[in-house]
Amino acid sequence: MRAERHGDNVVLRKIDMQTVPGLDEAFEMARRAGHPVWEELLWSERLNQPLVNVRTPLWHEGSFLGILLTAVTVSELSRFLAESPAGSDVGAFILLGRNHVLAHAALAHNPQLFKRDKLLPEVTEIGDPVLASIWSPNPDLGAAAFVGSSKSHVVTVDRAPYVFIYRDITGYSDQPWVVGRYLPLDEIGSEVRRLEHAAWLGLGAVLVAVAGAWLVGYAIGKPILRLARATSAIRTLDLTSAHPLAGSHLRELDEAIRAYNALIATLHWFETYVPRRLVKQLMAQGEQASALVEREVTVLFTDIVDFTSFAERLSASDAATFLNDHFRLLAACVEAEGGTIDKYIGDSLMAFWGAPELQLDHSARACRAARAIATAIIGDNRRRRGLGLPPARIRIGIHAGPAMVGNIGAPGRINYTLVGDIVNTAQRIEDVAKKCMTDEDEAVILVSDAVLRSAGPECSAQPIGEHILRGRHEATNVFRLEAS
């Protein structure tokens, strides 16, 4: 059976084996080889040209059935070579050995170049003067060069230099196939220049891309860096350094910045109601800081003398302004000594030392804060007298002892505070000051003997005797701490 391709169609024909010379020998050679074999060129009487062929033995269950003979004419191979993208315009060729042409554009349409007694024409017989000079390299233009397994050299034809680039391929015949092309040397220069131009354009494109990427990265990175620095200030509750940020042209970043600005506004409201220093200490100590624990602490209570009659002479807004100014003075003195303001009760203030941060000198700190409060009140009274305003007088009571410290309250409203008799005792010591305060006194500080024992020699005080505190049966030694 013979299958031939005619355009897009395949035509099958039966042939008589007797009409094909040498077919018996071909069968026997394929059987002995046992694998596909490229054979020498076959001459086709019908096509009047040689065939490039490969013979593959066919076997079935160990029995030799015949051969699959695959062939292509030299003219068809030449046509394929000439019509390939890099074919005719660059002088593509295939030589069998060094002198016989197996494929070339000239062989695609010139059947007269094939002869039965001479299957392939020589390089000088196809009318291509450049290919005819392939083995006459010009030594003045450079010797043969090797690039990998390829070779190249330059020849001169009619004073024009041409470059041959080729490679030897073995295994298709007893002689190697020389597959290559040639092109004018000037075209290589133009190709090189085009490559250089393309390389410079590519480099320029890369530089533009890098510059664009840097600009985009800068445009994205700068607001991200500002946002990161700002949120770092929030992490440490440094709200004085946390300012609203300008928006961004990038939608996602702008949304993040707007969320940050809203957070800043919320935190400023938050710090109005929650002591910032207390929150920082709780954050530093972790979750265990808010658990209820027993601690040795010192509690301080303040109260304005006769505030009710004092406030009657003021409007509601003036009274509120006075209290805000008064508590601002007291808070500065408490925080300067590392104390925690627990709450404001009317015109009274409650503060403590020794929690959440462990302070071994908690009583000494409380005494120093009380003296600072007395000094601040006396100084503020001088200012008030200068403005024609009545002075404010204050009583301070301090007590030390054990207390339960931690979160107290319902899930929706929790305070970090103290629980224990020490709180009531401190407030009632402050009540005792009513008995020993004269009209000339602007500030009176009373402490318990427990405070003096805890504070040590740093706090000297004068005894004012034993007092039975309200709601108590046993007397408590009370001492008066000098205001300055």
Protein backbone atom coordinates (compact mmCIF):
# COMPACT_ATOMS: atom_id res chain seq x y z
CA MET A 1 0.00 0.00 0.00
CA ARG A 2 1.24 3.47 -0.84
CA ALA A 3 -0.19 6.60 0.81
CA GLU A 4 0.50 9.92 -0.82
CA ARG A 5 -0.46 13.40 0.31
CA HIS A 6 -2.08 15.58 -2.32
CA GLY A 7 -2.77 18.94 -0.68
CA ASP A 8 -5.13 18.21 2.19
CA ASN A 9 -6.04 14.77 0.88
CA VAL A 10 -4.32 11.43 1.32
CA VAL A 11 -4.53 8.97 -1.59
CA LEU A 12 -4.02 5.20 -1.07
CA ARG A 13 -2.79 2.92 -3.87
CA LYS A 14 -1.85 -0.73 -4.12
CA ILE A 15 1.47 -1.45 -5.76
CA ASP A 16 3.13 -4.65 -6.99
CA MET A 17 6.27 -5.37 -5.01
CA GLN A 18 7.86 -6.74 -8.14
CA THR A 19 7.73 -3.30 -9.72
CA VAL A 20 9.89 -1.74 -6.99
CA PRO A 21 13.56 -2.68 -7.48
CA GLY A 22 15.47 -3.56 -4.34
CA LEU A 23 12.35 -3.83 -2.17
CA ASP A 24 13.22 -7.34 -0.99
CA GLU A 25 16.63 -6.14 0.16
CA ALA A 26 15.00 -3.21 1.98
CA PHE A 27 12.68 -5.63 3.85
CA GLU A 28 15.57 -7.82 4.91
CA MET A 29 17.74 -4.90 6.05
CA ALA A 30 14.87 -3.49 8.16
CA ARG A 31 14.18 -6.88 9.73
CA ARG A 32 17.83 -7.30 10.71
CA ALA A 33 18.08 -3.75 12.07
CA GLY A 34 15.03 -4.05 14.31
CA HIS A 35 14.62 -0.24 14.58
CA PRO A 36 13.96 2.73 12.26
CA VAL A 37 16.83 3.27 9.80
CA TRP A 38 17.59 6.23 7.55
CA GLU A 39 18.61 4.82 4.21
CA GLU A 40 20.39 6.19 1.19
CA LEU A 41 18.37 8.23 -1.30
CA LEU A 42 15.88 6.32 -3.42
CA TRP A 43 15.18 7.21 -7.05
CA SER A 44 11.50 7.42 -7.96
CA GLU A 45 10.82 6.62 -11.62
CA ARG A 46 7.29 7.92 -11.31
CA LEU A 47 8.32 11.25 -9.74
CA ASN A 48 11.64 11.44 -11.59
CA GLN A 49 13.57 12.61 -8.53
CA PRO A 50 15.25 11.20 -5.43
CA LEU A 51 13.47 10.51 -2.13
CA VAL A 52 14.74 11.04 1.39
CA ASN A 53 13.44 7.98 3.30
CA VAL A 54 13.36 6.23 6.66
CA ARG A 55 12.39 2.57 7.07
CA THR A 56 10.66 1.29 10.21
CA PRO A 57 10.25 -2.50 10.73
CA LEU A 58 6.76 -3.68 11.70
CA TRP A 59 6.38 -6.59 14.12
CA HIS A 60 3.38 -8.40 15.62
CA GLU A 61 3.78 -10.89 18.45
CA GLY A 62 7.35 -11.55 17.47
CA SER A 63 6.64 -12.02 13.76
CA PHE A 64 8.06 -9.66 11.17
CA LEU A 65 5.25 -8.28 8.97
CA GLY A 66 7.05 -5.79 6.76
CA ILE A 67 8.26 -2.21 6.80
CA LEU A 68 6.79 1.28 7.02
CA LEU A 69 8.62 3.28 4.36
CA THR A 70 8.27 7.03 4.93
CA ALA A 71 9.65 9.27 2.20
CA VAL A 72 9.69 12.90 1.05
CA THR A 73 10.90 14.15 -2.29
CA VAL A 74 13.93 16.43 -2.51
CA SER A 75 11.82 19.08 -4.26
CA GLU A 76 9.22 19.01 -1.44
CA LEU A 77 11.96 19.27 1.18
CA SER A 78 13.44 22.21 -0.77
CA ARG A 79 10.03 23.89 -1.01
CA PHE A 80 9.55 23.56 2.75
CA LEU A 81 12.99 25.05 3.33
CA ALA A 82 12.40 27.94 0.93
CA GLU A 83 8.97 28.79 2.38
CA SER A 84 10.04 28.71 6.03
CA PRO A 85 10.16 32.11 7.82
CA ALA A 86 13.95 32.21 7.70
CA GLY A 87 14.28 30.43 4.35
CA SER A 88 14.69 31.96 0.93
CA ASP A 89 15.59 35.46 2.03
CA VAL A 90 18.63 34.27 3.93
CA GLY A 91 19.91 31.53 1.61
CA ALA A 92 18.94 28.39 3.52
CA PHE A 93 20.38 25.10 2.29
CA ILE A 94 21.05 21.45 3.16
CA LEU A 95 24.08 19.71 1.70
CA LEU A 96 24.77 16.00 1.59
CA GLY A 97 28.44 15.88 2.37
CA ARG A 98 30.31 18.96 1.21
CA ASN A 99 29.35 19.22 -2.47
CA HIS A 100 25.88 17.78 -3.17
CA VAL A 101 22.77 19.88 -2.61
CA LEU A 102 19.95 18.06 -0.79
CA ALA A 103 17.63 21.05 -0.33
CA HIS A 104 17.70 24.55 -1.78
CA ALA A 105 15.16 26.97 -3.22
CA ALA A 106 16.49 26.19 -6.73
CA LEU A 107 15.53 22.51 -6.38
CA ALA A 108 11.90 23.26 -5.50
CA HIS A 109 10.82 24.00 -9.08
CA ASN A 110 13.62 22.74 -11.34
CA PRO A 111 13.15 18.96 -11.84
CA GLN A 112 15.71 19.00 -14.66
CA LEU A 113 18.42 19.30 -12.00
CA PHE A 114 17.74 15.67 -10.95
CA LYS A 115 19.26 12.74 -12.90
CA ARG A 116 18.93 9.02 -12.36
CA ASP A 117 22.66 8.44 -12.62
CA LYS A 118 23.41 11.47 -10.46
CA LEU A 119 20.73 11.85 -7.83
CA LEU A 120 21.79 15.25 -6.44
CA PRO A 121 23.40 18.23 -8.18
CA GLU A 122 26.62 19.73 -6.91
CA VAL A 123 26.82 23.21 -5.33
CA THR A 124 28.19 24.64 -8.59
CA GLU A 125 25.28 23.28 -10.68
CA ILE A 126 22.18 24.95 -9.20
CA GLY A 127 22.86 28.54 -10.31
CA ASP A 128 23.61 29.99 -6.85
CA PRO A 129 27.06 31.66 -7.05
CA VAL A 130 27.13 32.33 -3.32
CA LEU A 131 26.48 28.70 -2.36
CA ALA A 132 28.96 27.64 -5.04
CA SER A 133 31.64 29.56 -3.11
CA ILE A 134 30.80 28.06 0.30
CA TRP A 135 34.14 26.32 0.69
CA SER A 136 36.21 29.28 -0.51
CA PRO A 137 36.42 31.40 2.67
CA ASN A 138 38.12 34.80 2.52
CA PRO A 139 41.02 34.74 5.02
CA ASP A 140 41.14 38.55 5.08
CA LEU A 141 37.63 38.66 6.61
CA GLY A 142 38.31 36.20 9.41
CA ALA A 143 38.88 32.50 9.77
CA ALA A 144 36.16 29.99 10.53
CA ALA A 145 34.56 30.47 13.94
CA PHE A 146 32.77 27.96 16.15
CA VAL A 147 29.76 28.84 18.31
CA GLY A 148 28.73 25.74 20.23
CA SER A 149 28.27 23.03 17.62
CA SER A 150 27.75 25.56 14.80
CA LYS A 151 30.39 26.91 12.46
CA SER A 152 30.66 30.13 10.48
CA HIS A 153 32.96 31.77 7.97
CA VAL A 154 32.92 34.59 5.43
CA VAL A 155 33.27 34.33 1.65
CA THR A 156 33.47 37.05 -1.00
CA VAL A 157 31.30 36.87 -4.13
CA ASP A 158 31.51 39.71 -6.63
CA ARG A 159 33.29 41.81 -4.01
CA ALA A 160 30.40 41.37 -1.61
CA PRO A 161 31.09 39.52 1.67
CA TYR A 162 28.67 36.82 2.82
CA VAL A 163 28.52 34.98 6.12
CA PHE A 164 27.83 31.23 6.16
CA ILE A 165 26.45 29.71 9.39
CA TYR A 166 26.01 25.92 9.37
CA ARG A 167 26.05 22.75 11.40
CA ASP A 168 26.91 19.12 10.60
CA ILE A 169 24.15 16.60 11.39
CA THR A 170 24.92 12.91 11.36
CA GLY A 171 22.76 9.79 11.42
CA TYR A 172 20.67 10.39 8.29
CA SER A 173 23.21 9.01 5.82
CA ASP A 174 26.73 7.69 5.61
CA GLN A 175 27.74 11.34 4.98
CA PRO A 176 26.76 14.19 7.31
CA TRP A 177 24.07 16.66 6.36
CA VAL A 178 25.31 20.26 6.36
CA VAL A 179 22.34 22.42 7.39
CA GLY A 180 22.86 26.17 7.23
CA ARG A 181 22.21 29.54 5.69
CA TYR A 182 24.10 32.50 4.36
CA LEU A 183 23.38 36.23 4.32
CA PRO A 184 25.25 39.41 3.38
CA LEU A 185 27.69 40.62 6.00
CA ASP A 186 26.07 44.08 5.87
CA GLU A 187 22.76 42.58 6.99
CA ILE A 188 24.46 41.17 10.07
CA GLY A 189 25.63 44.69 10.90
CA SER A 190 22.11 46.02 10.47
CA GLU A 191 20.76 43.13 12.53
CA VAL A 192 23.32 43.87 15.21
CA ARG A 193 22.34 47.52 15.13
CA ARG A 194 18.67 46.54 15.36
CA LEU A 195 19.52 44.30 18.28
CA GLU A 196 21.46 47.11 19.93
CA HIS A 197 18.57 49.48 19.29
CA ALA A 198 16.15 46.94 20.73
CA ALA A 199 18.46 46.40 23.70
CA TRP A 200 18.61 50.15 24.39
CA LEU A 201 14.84 50.39 24.03
CA GLY A 202 14.47 47.43 26.38
CA LEU A 203 16.87 49.02 28.85
CA GLY A 204 14.96 52.28 28.61
CA ALA A 205 11.69 50.45 29.20
CA VAL A 206 13.19 48.70 32.21
CA LEU A 207 14.46 52.02 33.61
CA VAL A 208 11.05 53.62 33.05
CA ALA A 209 9.38 50.65 34.72
CA VAL A 210 11.80 50.83 37.66
CA ALA A 211 11.26 54.58 37.99
CA GLY A 212 7.51 54.11 37.75
CA ALA A 213 7.63 51.32 40.33
CA TRP A 214 9.73 53.54 42.62
CA LEU A 215 7.31 56.44 42.24
CA VAL A 216 4.32 54.19 42.87
CA GLY A 217 6.13 52.60 45.82
CA TYR A 218 6.97 56.04 47.18
CA ALA A 219 3.39 57.22 46.70
CA ILE A 220 2.14 54.14 48.56
CA GLY A 221 4.97 53.79 51.06
CA LYS A 222 5.02 57.38 52.36
CA PRO A 223 1.42 57.41 53.65
CA ILE A 224 1.83 53.85 54.93
CA LEU A 225 4.94 54.92 56.86
CA ARG A 226 3.10 57.95 58.28
CA LEU A 227 0.21 55.69 59.25
CA ALA A 228 2.58 53.16 60.85
CA ARG A 229 4.31 55.87 62.91
CA ALA A 230 0.98 57.33 63.97
CA THR A 231 -0.43 53.96 65.01
CA SER A 232 2.79 53.29 66.93
CA ALA A 233 2.01 56.40 69.01
CA ILE A 234 -1.48 55.01 69.65
CA ARG A 235 0.00 51.69 70.75
CA THR A 236 1.83 53.53 73.54
CA LEU A 237 -1.18 55.84 74.18
CA ASP A 238 0.96 58.85 73.26
CA LEU A 239 -2.09 60.75 72.06
CA THR A 240 -0.29 64.10 72.15
CA SER A 241 1.83 62.88 69.21
CA ALA A 242 -1.10 61.26 67.39
CA HIS A 243 -2.50 63.87 65.00
CA PRO A 244 -5.05 63.42 62.20
CA LEU A 245 -3.45 62.49 58.87
CA ALA A 246 -4.08 63.93 55.42
CA GLY A 247 -5.99 61.74 53.00
CA SER A 248 -4.53 59.72 50.12
CA HIS A 249 -5.42 59.46 46.42
CA LEU A 250 -5.32 55.67 46.79
CA ARG A 251 -8.76 54.50 47.85
CA GLU A 252 -7.64 51.69 50.17
CA LEU A 253 -5.09 53.90 51.94
CA ASP A 254 -7.58 56.74 52.19
CA GLU A 255 -10.07 54.41 53.89
CA ALA A 256 -7.37 53.28 56.35
CA ILE A 257 -6.41 56.90 57.10
CA ARG A 258 -10.04 57.90 57.66
CA ALA A 259 -10.44 54.95 60.03
CA TYR A 260 -7.29 56.05 61.87
CA ASN A 261 -8.53 59.64 62.19
CA ALA A 262 -11.85 58.38 63.57
CA LEU A 263 -9.91 56.23 66.03
CA ILE A 264 -7.90 59.26 67.21
CA ALA A 265 -11.09 61.20 67.87
CA THR A 266 -12.53 58.26 69.79
CA LEU A 267 -9.39 57.81 71.89
CA HIS A 268 -9.35 61.48 72.83
CA TRP A 269 -12.84 61.00 74.22
CA PHE A 270 -11.68 57.75 75.83
CA GLU A 271 -8.78 59.38 77.69
CA THR A 272 -11.18 61.96 79.09
CA TYR A 273 -12.85 59.26 81.18
CA VAL A 274 -10.08 56.68 81.68
CA PRO A 275 -6.73 57.52 83.34
CA ARG A 276 -4.11 57.19 80.61
CA ARG A 277 -1.34 56.31 83.05
CA LEU A 278 -3.44 53.52 84.57
CA VAL A 279 -4.17 52.05 81.14
CA LYS A 280 -0.47 52.14 80.21
CA GLN A 281 0.45 50.28 83.39
CA LEU A 282 -2.25 47.65 82.82
CA MET A 283 -1.11 47.21 79.20
CA ALA A 284 2.52 46.81 80.29
CA GLN A 285 1.63 44.14 82.85
CA GLY A 286 -0.72 42.15 80.63
CA GLU A 287 -3.95 40.38 81.50
CA GLN A 288 -2.84 39.41 85.01
CA ALA A 289 -2.69 43.10 86.00
CA SER A 290 -6.50 43.42 86.11
CA ALA A 291 -7.09 40.26 88.18
CA LEU A 292 -8.17 40.80 91.78
CA VAL A 293 -5.14 40.54 94.08
CA GLU A 294 -4.35 41.63 97.62
CA ARG A 295 -1.83 44.45 97.86
CA GLU A 296 -0.38 46.78 100.47
CA VAL A 297 -1.53 50.20 99.31
CA THR A 298 -1.93 53.76 100.53
CA VAL A 299 -5.20 55.65 99.95
CA LEU A 300 -5.62 59.44 99.89
CA PHE A 301 -8.92 61.33 100.21
CA THR A 302 -9.41 65.08 99.71
CA ASP A 303 -12.42 67.26 100.46
CA ILE A 304 -13.11 70.99 100.05
CA VAL A 305 -14.14 72.64 103.32
CA ASP A 306 -17.74 73.93 103.32
CA PHE A 307 -18.05 73.48 99.54
CA THR A 308 -21.85 73.64 99.68
CA SER A 309 -21.94 77.23 100.98
CA PHE A 310 -18.94 78.04 98.76
CA ALA A 311 -20.82 76.88 95.65
CA GLU A 312 -23.99 78.75 96.61
CA ARG A 313 -22.21 82.00 95.75
CA LEU A 314 -21.37 80.69 92.26
CA SER A 315 -23.43 79.90 89.19
CA ALA A 316 -23.59 76.29 88.06
CA SER A 317 -21.12 76.91 85.23
CA ASP A 318 -18.72 78.82 87.53
CA ALA A 319 -18.92 75.99 90.09
CA ALA A 320 -18.10 73.46 87.37
CA THR A 321 -15.20 75.59 86.17
CA PHE A 322 -13.88 75.91 89.70
CA LEU A 323 -14.02 72.13 90.28
CA ASN A 324 -12.28 71.40 86.98
CA ASP A 325 -9.46 73.82 87.85
CA HIS A 326 -9.27 72.42 91.40
CA PHE A 327 -9.05 68.79 90.27
CA ARG A 328 -6.48 69.69 87.60
CA LEU A 329 -4.18 70.97 90.37
CA LEU A 330 -4.73 67.85 92.47
CA ALA A 331 -4.33 65.41 89.56
CA ALA A 332 -0.97 66.90 88.59
CA CYS A 333 0.34 66.38 92.14
CA VAL A 334 -0.96 62.78 92.34
CA GLU A 335 0.43 61.76 88.92
CA ALA A 336 3.77 63.41 89.66
CA GLU A 337 4.24 60.87 92.46
CA GLY A 338 3.07 57.89 90.38
CA GLY A 339 -0.37 57.70 91.95
CA THR A 340 -3.62 56.52 90.39
CA ILE A 341 -6.76 58.65 90.61
CA ASP A 342 -9.58 56.25 91.42
CA LYS A 343 -12.55 58.59 91.24
CA TYR A 344 -13.99 62.06 91.79
CA ILE A 345 -16.88 62.16 94.27
CA GLY A 346 -18.53 65.59 94.19
CA ASP A 347 -15.82 67.90 95.48
CA SER A 348 -13.69 64.97 96.76
CA LEU A 349 -10.87 63.05 95.12
CA MET A 350 -9.74 59.49 95.87
CA ALA A 351 -6.28 58.31 94.81
CA PHE A 352 -4.05 55.37 95.72
CA TRP A 353 -0.47 54.11 95.44
CA GLY A 354 0.95 50.58 95.31
CA ALA A 355 -1.13 49.24 92.38
CA PRO A 356 -1.23 48.29 89.60
CA GLU A 357 2.50 49.07 89.62
CA LEU A 358 4.24 47.60 92.67
CA GLN A 359 5.55 50.56 94.72
CA LEU A 360 7.37 49.70 97.93
CA ASP A 361 7.41 53.40 98.96
CA HIS A 362 3.69 53.89 98.35
CA SER A 363 3.09 55.69 101.68
CA ALA A 364 6.02 58.09 101.17
CA ARG A 365 4.70 58.89 97.68
CA ALA A 366 1.24 59.62 99.07
CA CYS A 367 2.67 61.96 101.73
CA ARG A 368 4.72 63.86 99.16
CA ALA A 369 1.67 64.18 96.93
CA ALA A 370 -0.43 65.50 99.83
CA ARG A 371 2.17 68.15 100.66
CA ALA A 372 2.33 69.13 96.97
CA ILE A 373 -1.46 69.45 96.93
CA ALA A 374 -1.39 71.71 100.01
CA THR A 375 1.31 73.88 98.44
CA ALA A 376 -0.64 74.12 95.17
CA ILE A 377 -3.85 75.11 97.00
CA ILE A 378 -2.07 77.80 99.03
CA GLY A 379 -0.49 79.18 95.84
CA ASP A 380 -3.80 79.13 93.98
CA ASN A 381 -5.50 80.94 96.88
CA ARG A 382 -3.01 83.79 96.50
CA ARG A 383 -4.07 84.08 92.88
CA ARG A 384 -7.75 83.96 93.81
CA ARG A 385 -7.38 86.67 96.45
CA GLY A 386 -5.67 88.85 93.88
CA LEU A 387 -8.72 88.44 91.65
CA GLY A 388 -11.09 89.17 94.50
CA LEU A 389 -12.26 85.56 94.74
CA PRO A 390 -12.75 83.62 97.98
CA PRO A 391 -9.97 81.10 98.83
CA ALA A 392 -10.54 77.34 98.82
CA ARG A 393 -9.67 75.27 101.89
CA ILE A 394 -8.99 71.53 101.75
CA ARG A 395 -8.82 68.54 104.07
CA ILE A 396 -6.71 65.46 103.24
CA GLY A 397 -6.84 62.04 104.89
CA ILE A 398 -4.34 59.21 104.25
CA HIS A 399 -4.36 55.58 105.39
CA ALA A 400 -2.28 52.52 104.47
CA GLY A 401 -3.00 48.81 104.63
CA PRO A 402 -4.08 45.72 102.64
CA ALA A 403 -6.81 45.91 99.99
CA MET A 404 -8.14 43.88 97.08
CA VAL A 405 -7.10 45.56 93.85
CA GLY A 406 -8.43 44.80 90.34
CA ASN A 407 -11.43 45.00 88.05
CA ILE A 408 -14.72 45.52 89.85
CA GLY A 409 -18.10 45.96 88.17
CA ALA A 410 -20.54 44.54 85.64
CA PRO A 411 -19.38 43.39 82.16
CA GLY A 412 -20.56 46.63 80.55
CA ARG A 413 -19.03 48.94 83.16
CA ILE A 414 -15.85 47.90 84.95
CA ASN A 415 -13.52 49.99 87.11
CA TYR A 416 -9.99 49.25 88.21
CA THR A 417 -10.36 50.09 91.92
CA LEU A 418 -9.79 49.08 95.54
CA VAL A 419 -12.02 47.05 97.81
CA GLY A 420 -11.38 46.96 101.56
CA ASP A 421 -11.73 48.71 104.88
CA ILE A 422 -8.69 50.84 104.09
CA VAL A 423 -10.84 53.01 101.78
CA ASN A 424 -13.44 53.83 104.44
CA THR A 425 -10.71 54.45 107.02
CA ALA A 426 -8.91 56.96 104.81
CA GLN A 427 -12.14 58.87 104.20
CA ARG A 428 -12.99 58.94 107.93
CA ILE A 429 -9.51 60.18 108.82
CA GLU A 430 -10.19 63.05 106.47
CA ASP A 431 -13.42 63.68 108.47
CA VAL A 432 -11.35 64.04 111.68
CA ALA A 433 -9.71 67.11 110.16
CA LYS A 434 -12.96 68.99 110.76
CA LYS A 435 -12.18 68.91 114.48
CA CYS A 436 -8.63 70.25 114.30
CA MET A 437 -8.84 72.71 111.41
CA THR A 438 -8.80 76.41 112.30
CA ASP A 439 -10.05 79.33 110.24
CA GLU A 440 -6.47 80.22 109.34
CA ASP A 441 -5.65 76.78 107.94
CA GLU A 442 -5.92 76.52 104.14
CA ALA A 443 -4.90 72.83 104.04
CA VAL A 444 -4.82 70.13 106.70
CA ILE A 445 -3.22 66.69 106.13
CA LEU A 446 -4.03 63.87 108.56
CA VAL A 447 -2.42 60.42 108.39
CA SER A 448 -2.78 57.21 110.37
CA ASP A 449 0.02 55.59 112.32
CA ALA A 450 0.06 52.85 109.62
CA VAL A 451 1.10 55.49 107.08
CA LEU A 452 3.94 56.74 109.28
CA ARG A 453 5.24 53.20 109.87
CA SER A 454 5.15 52.47 106.12
CA ALA A 455 6.63 55.81 105.02
CA GLY A 456 9.51 55.81 107.52
CA PRO A 457 11.46 58.89 108.59
CA GLU A 458 10.70 60.72 105.35
CA CYS A 459 7.27 61.75 106.73
CA SER A 460 7.38 63.52 110.07
CA ALA A 461 4.06 64.39 111.77
CA GLN A 462 2.64 65.69 115.03
CA PRO A 463 0.27 63.43 117.00
CA ILE A 464 -3.21 64.78 117.57
CA GLY A 465 -4.34 61.88 119.74
CA GLU A 466 -6.48 58.81 119.41
CA HIS A 467 -9.82 59.17 117.65
CA ILE A 468 -12.71 56.77 117.36
CA LEU A 469 -13.59 56.98 113.68
CA ARG A 470 -17.17 57.03 112.53
CA GLY A 471 -18.57 53.51 112.53
CA ARG A 472 -15.63 52.13 114.54
CA HIS A 473 -15.29 50.93 118.14
CA GLU A 474 -11.51 51.00 118.46
CA ALA A 475 -9.49 54.20 118.56
CA THR A 476 -7.04 55.11 115.77
CA ASN A 477 -3.86 57.15 116.29
CA VAL A 478 -4.03 60.15 114.01
CA PHE A 479 -1.16 62.50 113.13
CA ARG A 480 -1.00 65.85 111.41
CA LEU A 481 1.47 66.10 108.53
CA GLU A 482 3.02 69.50 108.01
CA ALA A 483 1.79 71.08 104.79
CA SER A 484 5.28 72.20 103.73
